[in-house]
């Protein structure tokens, strides 16, 4: 018996995957439709196209092109500007992973706060549950990413402490 990838993913995962993919430009920019976490893994192994980060940054409503954003996506604005000349050239695995994680957190925060603008404002402001640190500033390390993800999950379920 063959089971479709969507059927073996935890409930809601396919929708979350599509939200992240949409922030990165969707099938048009990613050159494929993502139907499973394995599809995303393969995409990141080969590197996101630079145009995916360009699309992500272009979708931001509140967050400016700042040092915090650079750390969150793992690429300086100067490097991003140079890479814009070769939009189909893939990013490194690390840059791809960081950009994907930023898009994933932005998508999750948008679900929690209701709009992307509110999610971005939350990412930019000090958070009580993060010792008054700005969530976007924590996205530069895996430990910081985990803190932000855990805090978002607590907010989603109404557990603030």
Protein backbone atom coordinates (compact mmCIF):
# COMPACT_ATOMS: atom_id res chain seq x y z
CA UNK A 1 0.00 0.00 0.00
CA UNK A 2 1.37 3.43 -0.97
CA UNK A 3 0.75 6.28 1.47
CA UNK A 4 0.96 9.87 0.22
CA UNK A 5 3.49 12.07 2.03
CA UNK A 6 0.72 14.39 3.22
CA UNK A 7 -0.91 11.46 4.99
CA UNK A 8 2.14 10.68 7.12
CA UNK A 9 2.84 14.25 8.22
CA UNK A 10 1.55 15.44 11.58
CA UNK A 11 -1.76 17.26 11.26
CA UNK A 12 -1.31 20.85 10.10
CA UNK A 13 2.26 20.32 8.88
CA UNK A 14 1.39 20.45 5.18
CA UNK A 15 -0.35 23.81 5.69
CA UNK A 16 2.60 25.18 7.66
CA UNK A 17 4.97 23.99 4.93
CA UNK A 18 2.91 25.84 2.31
CA UNK A 19 2.94 29.05 4.39
CA UNK A 20 6.73 28.94 4.66
CA UNK A 21 7.10 28.12 0.96
CA UNK A 22 4.78 31.04 0.09
CA UNK A 23 6.94 33.47 2.10
CA UNK A 24 9.91 32.26 0.03
CA UNK A 25 8.11 32.75 -3.28
CA UNK A 26 6.23 29.49 -3.66
CA UNK A 27 6.64 27.01 -6.48
CA UNK A 28 7.38 29.80 -8.98
CA UNK A 29 10.61 30.81 -7.23
CA UNK A 30 11.45 27.51 -5.52
CA UNK A 31 10.95 25.65 -8.83
CA UNK A 32 8.92 22.96 -7.11
CA UNK A 33 5.87 22.45 -4.97
CA UNK A 34 6.72 21.24 -1.49
CA UNK A 35 4.45 18.45 -0.26
CA UNK A 36 6.51 17.06 2.63
CA UNK A 37 9.27 17.90 5.06
CA UNK A 38 11.54 15.70 2.96
CA UNK A 39 10.87 17.95 -0.06
CA UNK A 40 11.93 20.93 2.07
CA UNK A 41 15.02 19.05 3.24
CA UNK A 42 16.06 18.29 -0.35
CA UNK A 43 15.46 21.90 -1.37
CA UNK A 44 17.63 23.21 1.48
CA UNK A 45 20.37 20.66 0.76
CA UNK A 46 20.71 22.04 -2.75
CA UNK A 47 20.30 25.63 -1.57
CA UNK A 48 17.47 28.11 -1.89
CA UNK A 49 17.71 30.41 -4.89
CA UNK A 50 18.81 33.91 -3.90
CA UNK A 51 15.50 35.16 -5.29
CA UNK A 52 13.72 33.29 -2.46
CA UNK A 53 15.41 35.51 0.15
CA UNK A 54 14.72 38.51 -2.08
CA UNK A 55 11.03 37.56 -2.11
CA UNK A 56 11.00 36.99 1.67
CA UNK A 57 12.56 40.37 2.39
CA UNK A 58 10.20 42.01 -0.09
CA UNK A 59 7.21 40.54 1.82
CA UNK A 60 8.22 42.13 5.12
CA UNK A 61 5.75 44.75 6.32
CA UNK A 62 7.37 46.13 9.48
CA UNK A 63 10.88 44.70 9.77
CA UNK A 64 13.48 46.87 8.08
CA UNK A 65 16.72 45.83 6.46
CA UNK A 66 18.70 45.88 9.67
CA UNK A 67 21.56 44.07 11.33
CA UNK A 68 18.99 41.99 13.22
CA UNK A 69 17.46 40.82 9.95
CA UNK A 70 20.95 40.02 8.64
CA UNK A 71 21.60 37.77 11.63
CA UNK A 72 18.17 36.16 11.38
CA UNK A 73 18.55 35.18 7.71
CA UNK A 74 22.29 34.49 7.96
CA UNK A 75 23.36 36.92 5.26
CA UNK A 76 24.56 40.51 5.35
CA UNK A 77 22.66 43.03 3.26
CA UNK A 78 25.83 43.66 1.31
CA UNK A 79 26.11 39.95 0.42
CA UNK A 80 22.40 39.89 -0.42
CA UNK A 81 22.84 42.89 -2.76
CA UNK A 82 25.74 41.14 -4.53
CA UNK A 83 23.75 37.92 -4.82
CA UNK A 84 20.79 39.76 -6.40
CA UNK A 85 22.82 39.90 -9.62
CA UNK A 86 22.59 36.09 -9.79
CA UNK A 87 19.05 35.35 -8.49
CA UNK A 88 19.07 31.68 -9.53
CA UNK A 89 22.44 30.94 -7.90
CA UNK A 90 21.72 28.83 -4.83
CA UNK A 91 22.52 29.93 -1.31
CA UNK A 92 24.72 27.79 0.92
CA UNK A 93 23.05 25.12 3.04
CA UNK A 94 23.58 27.27 6.14
CA UNK A 95 22.13 30.42 4.54
CA UNK A 96 19.23 28.38 3.15
CA UNK A 97 18.53 26.83 6.54
CA UNK A 98 18.61 30.19 8.32
CA UNK A 99 16.34 31.84 5.74
CA UNK A 100 13.94 28.87 5.95
CA UNK A 101 13.90 29.01 9.76
CA UNK A 102 13.21 32.76 9.72
CA UNK A 103 10.30 32.20 7.30
CA UNK A 104 9.05 29.34 9.49
CA UNK A 105 9.09 31.50 12.63
CA UNK A 106 7.45 34.41 10.79
CA UNK A 107 4.69 32.08 9.54
CA UNK A 108 4.15 30.67 13.05
CA UNK A 109 4.13 34.14 14.63
CA UNK A 110 1.62 35.28 11.99
CA UNK A 111 -0.66 32.40 13.00
CA UNK A 112 -0.30 33.28 16.69
CA UNK A 113 -0.76 37.06 16.34
CA UNK A 114 -3.26 37.08 13.47
CA UNK A 115 -1.44 39.25 10.92
CA UNK A 116 2.05 39.36 9.51
CA UNK A 117 2.42 43.02 10.56
CA UNK A 118 1.64 42.14 14.18
CA UNK A 119 3.99 39.15 14.02
CA UNK A 120 6.81 41.35 12.72
CA UNK A 121 6.15 43.95 15.41
CA UNK A 122 6.38 41.18 18.00
CA UNK A 123 9.68 39.95 16.50
CA UNK A 124 11.08 43.50 16.71
CA UNK A 125 9.91 44.34 20.24
CA UNK A 126 11.14 43.21 23.66
CA UNK A 127 9.35 40.08 24.88
CA UNK A 128 8.56 39.52 28.55
CA UNK A 129 9.03 35.75 28.28
CA UNK A 130 12.44 36.23 26.65
CA UNK A 131 13.87 38.39 29.43
CA UNK A 132 12.95 41.58 27.51
CA UNK A 133 15.04 40.49 24.52
CA UNK A 134 13.78 41.05 20.99
CA UNK A 135 12.91 37.71 19.38
CA UNK A 136 14.58 38.69 16.10
CA UNK A 137 17.88 39.20 17.93
CA UNK A 138 17.78 35.61 19.18
CA UNK A 139 17.43 34.07 15.72
CA UNK A 140 21.19 34.15 15.06
CA UNK A 141 21.86 30.95 17.02
CA UNK A 142 20.16 27.54 17.23
CA UNK A 143 19.67 28.01 21.00
CA UNK A 144 18.01 31.39 20.41
CA UNK A 145 15.79 29.96 17.69
CA UNK A 146 14.66 27.26 20.11
CA UNK A 147 13.84 29.88 22.76
CA UNK A 148 11.74 31.86 20.28
CA UNK A 149 9.94 28.75 19.02
CA UNK A 150 9.20 27.58 22.58
CA UNK A 151 7.92 31.02 23.55
CA UNK A 152 5.67 31.21 20.46
CA UNK A 153 4.25 27.82 21.35
CA UNK A 154 3.54 28.99 24.91
CA UNK A 155 1.83 32.11 23.55
CA UNK A 156 -0.25 30.01 21.18
CA UNK A 157 -1.54 27.89 24.08
CA UNK A 158 -1.88 30.76 26.54
CA UNK A 159 1.01 29.74 28.81
CA UNK A 160 3.06 32.89 29.33
CA UNK A 161 5.38 32.02 32.22
